[in-house]
């Protein structure tokens, strides 16, 4: 399995996460179309927020990053948030 974390801070991240929270259902439906999708978590932090996606392989997490980027470009470009810092790697342990 493979995971990707996207961290958003800097200018306007609160507005971005407000948008994401208001659109949880459409975002869930979109992410579930990613082949190999396993789980998704979104959390707020003191200076913005983070999302975590776990998939069966790196190709799937790469697709999830592209899907998220395209959704934000289409639905949140007017917010002007900075692109997220993306960190990915092989999953050592995944509990559900």
C-alpha atoms as a PDB file:
ATOM      1  CA  UNK A   1       0.000   0.000   0.000  1.00  0.00           C
ATOM      2  CA  UNK A   2       1.000   3.607  -0.544  1.00  0.00           C
ATOM      3  CA  UNK A   3      -0.045   6.841   1.193  1.00  0.00           C
ATOM      4  CA  UNK A   4       0.048  10.531   0.434  1.00  0.00           C
ATOM      5  CA  UNK A   5      -0.308  13.462   2.837  1.00  0.00           C
ATOM      6  CA  UNK A   6      -1.199  16.934   1.589  1.00  0.00           C
ATOM      7  CA  UNK A   7      -0.515  19.806   4.014  1.00  0.00           C
ATOM      8  CA  UNK A   8      -1.971  23.263   3.438  1.00  0.00           C
ATOM      9  CA  UNK A   9      -0.733  26.312   5.338  1.00  0.00           C
ATOM     10  CA  UNK A  10       0.024  29.908   4.555  1.00  0.00           C
ATOM     11  CA  UNK A  11      -2.460  32.371   3.071  1.00  0.00           C
ATOM     12  CA  UNK A  12      -6.123  31.326   2.948  1.00  0.00           C
ATOM     13  CA  UNK A  13      -5.976  27.652   4.049  1.00  0.00           C
ATOM     14  CA  UNK A  14      -8.950  28.087   6.419  1.00  0.00           C
ATOM     15  CA  UNK A  15     -11.146  29.148   3.499  1.00  0.00           C
ATOM     16  CA  UNK A  16      -9.945  26.159   1.476  1.00  0.00           C
ATOM     17  CA  UNK A  17     -10.790  23.723   4.265  1.00  0.00           C
ATOM     18  CA  UNK A  18     -14.168  25.423   4.771  1.00  0.00           C
ATOM     19  CA  UNK A  19     -14.846  24.716   1.080  1.00  0.00           C
ATOM     20  CA  UNK A  20     -13.669  21.112   1.390  1.00  0.00           C
ATOM     21  CA  UNK A  21     -15.844  20.573   4.469  1.00  0.00           C
ATOM     22  CA  UNK A  22     -18.925  21.965   2.709  1.00  0.00           C
ATOM     23  CA  UNK A  23     -18.284  19.543  -0.192  1.00  0.00           C
ATOM     24  CA  UNK A  24     -17.528  16.316   1.696  1.00  0.00           C
ATOM     25  CA  UNK A  25     -20.057  14.218  -0.243  1.00  0.00           C
ATOM     26  CA  UNK A  26     -18.933  15.159  -3.765  1.00  0.00           C
ATOM     27  CA  UNK A  27     -15.278  14.829  -2.744  1.00  0.00           C
ATOM     28  CA  UNK A  28     -15.931  11.374  -1.289  1.00  0.00           C
ATOM     29  CA  UNK A  29     -17.720  10.282  -4.460  1.00  0.00           C
ATOM     30  CA  UNK A  30     -14.832  11.548  -6.595  1.00  0.00           C
ATOM     31  CA  UNK A  31     -12.098   9.900  -4.527  1.00  0.00           C
ATOM     32  CA  UNK A  32     -13.946   6.580  -4.526  1.00  0.00           C
ATOM     33  CA  UNK A  33     -13.558   6.533  -8.332  1.00  0.00           C
ATOM     34  CA  UNK A  34      -9.763   6.231  -7.918  1.00  0.00           C
ATOM     35  CA  UNK A  35      -8.789   2.634  -8.661  1.00  0.00           C
ATOM     36  CA  UNK A  36      -7.054   1.145  -5.622  1.00  0.00           C
ATOM     37  CA  UNK A  37      -8.502   3.719  -3.188  1.00  0.00           C
ATOM     38  CA  UNK A  38      -8.483   2.498   0.436  1.00  0.00           C
ATOM     39  CA  UNK A  39      -9.104   5.467   2.766  1.00  0.00           C
ATOM     40  CA  UNK A  40      -9.160   9.243   3.075  1.00  0.00           C
ATOM     41  CA  UNK A  41      -8.910  11.509   6.119  1.00  0.00           C
ATOM     42  CA  UNK A  42      -9.182  15.290   6.326  1.00  0.00           C
ATOM     43  CA  UNK A  43      -8.167  17.259   9.410  1.00  0.00           C
ATOM     44  CA  UNK A  44      -7.811  20.888  10.447  1.00  0.00           C
ATOM     45  CA  UNK A  45      -4.572  22.134  11.968  1.00  0.00           C
ATOM     46  CA  UNK A  46      -3.733  25.368  13.745  1.00  0.00           C
ATOM     47  CA  UNK A  47      -2.566  26.994  10.526  1.00  0.00           C
ATOM     48  CA  UNK A  48      -4.607  25.183   7.869  1.00  0.00           C
ATOM     49  CA  UNK A  49      -5.235  21.506   7.365  1.00  0.00           C
ATOM     50  CA  UNK A  50      -4.042  18.170   6.075  1.00  0.00           C
ATOM     51  CA  UNK A  51      -5.457  15.300   4.089  1.00  0.00           C
ATOM     52  CA  UNK A  52      -4.267  11.703   4.049  1.00  0.00           C
ATOM     53  CA  UNK A  53      -5.039   9.204   1.312  1.00  0.00           C
ATOM     54  CA  UNK A  54      -4.151   5.516   1.383  1.00  0.00           C
ATOM     55  CA  UNK A  55      -4.338   3.444  -1.794  1.00  0.00           C
ATOM     56  CA  UNK A  56      -3.183   0.051  -2.987  1.00  0.00           C
ATOM     57  CA  UNK A  57      -0.208   1.463  -4.921  1.00  0.00           C
ATOM     58  CA  UNK A  58       1.666   4.643  -5.876  1.00  0.00           C
ATOM     59  CA  UNK A  59      -0.165   4.981  -9.189  1.00  0.00           C
ATOM     60  CA  UNK A  60      -3.422   5.232  -7.257  1.00  0.00           C
ATOM     61  CA  UNK A  61      -2.119   7.860  -4.825  1.00  0.00           C
ATOM     62  CA  UNK A  62      -0.727   9.817  -7.791  1.00  0.00           C
ATOM     63  CA  UNK A  63      -4.195   9.701  -9.338  1.00  0.00           C
ATOM     64  CA  UNK A  64      -5.759  10.879  -6.054  1.00  0.00           C
ATOM     65  CA  UNK A  65      -3.393  13.871  -5.982  1.00  0.00           C
ATOM     66  CA  UNK A  66      -4.343  14.758  -9.572  1.00  0.00           C
ATOM     67  CA  UNK A  67      -8.071  14.373  -8.818  1.00  0.00           C
ATOM     68  CA  UNK A  68      -7.750  16.625  -5.744  1.00  0.00           C
ATOM     69  CA  UNK A  69      -5.701  19.225  -7.633  1.00  0.00           C
ATOM     70  CA  UNK A  70      -8.229  19.313 -10.492  1.00  0.00           C
ATOM     71  CA  UNK A  71     -11.208  19.568  -8.103  1.00  0.00           C
ATOM     72  CA  UNK A  72      -9.630  22.487  -6.242  1.00  0.00           C
ATOM     73  CA  UNK A  73      -8.693  24.218  -9.511  1.00  0.00           C
ATOM     74  CA  UNK A  74     -12.296  23.908 -10.685  1.00  0.00           C
ATOM     75  CA  UNK A  75     -14.078  24.702  -7.412  1.00  0.00           C
ATOM     76  CA  UNK A  76     -11.684  26.733  -5.289  1.00  0.00           C
ATOM     77  CA  UNK A  77      -9.366  28.661  -7.564  1.00  0.00           C
ATOM     78  CA  UNK A  78     -10.936  31.931  -6.388  1.00  0.00           C
ATOM     79  CA  UNK A  79      -9.725  31.252  -2.822  1.00  0.00           C
ATOM     80  CA  UNK A  80      -6.095  31.735  -3.810  1.00  0.00           C
ATOM     81  CA  UNK A  81      -4.647  29.175  -1.383  1.00  0.00           C
ATOM     82  CA  UNK A  82      -1.095  28.047  -1.981  1.00  0.00           C
ATOM     83  CA  UNK A  83      -0.578  24.559  -3.467  1.00  0.00           C
ATOM     84  CA  UNK A  84      -0.222  21.937  -0.739  1.00  0.00           C
ATOM     85  CA  UNK A  85       3.015  20.361   0.353  1.00  0.00           C
ATOM     86  CA  UNK A  86       2.729  16.737  -0.798  1.00  0.00           C
ATOM     87  CA  UNK A  87       4.524  13.893   0.995  1.00  0.00           C
ATOM     88  CA  UNK A  88       4.144  10.269  -0.040  1.00  0.00           C
ATOM     89  CA  UNK A  89       5.558   6.905   0.874  1.00  0.00           C
ATOM     90  CA  UNK A  90       5.047   3.200   1.362  1.00  0.00           C
ATOM     91  CA  UNK A  91       2.643   2.254   4.145  1.00  0.00           C
ATOM     92  CA  UNK A  92       4.232   0.295   6.984  1.00  0.00           C
ATOM     93  CA  UNK A  93       1.053  -0.123   9.056  1.00  0.00           C
ATOM     94  CA  UNK A  94      -2.573   0.736   8.291  1.00  0.00           C
ATOM     95  CA  UNK A  95      -5.224   0.267  10.980  1.00  0.00           C
ATOM     96  CA  UNK A  96      -8.941   0.831  10.472  1.00  0.00           C
END
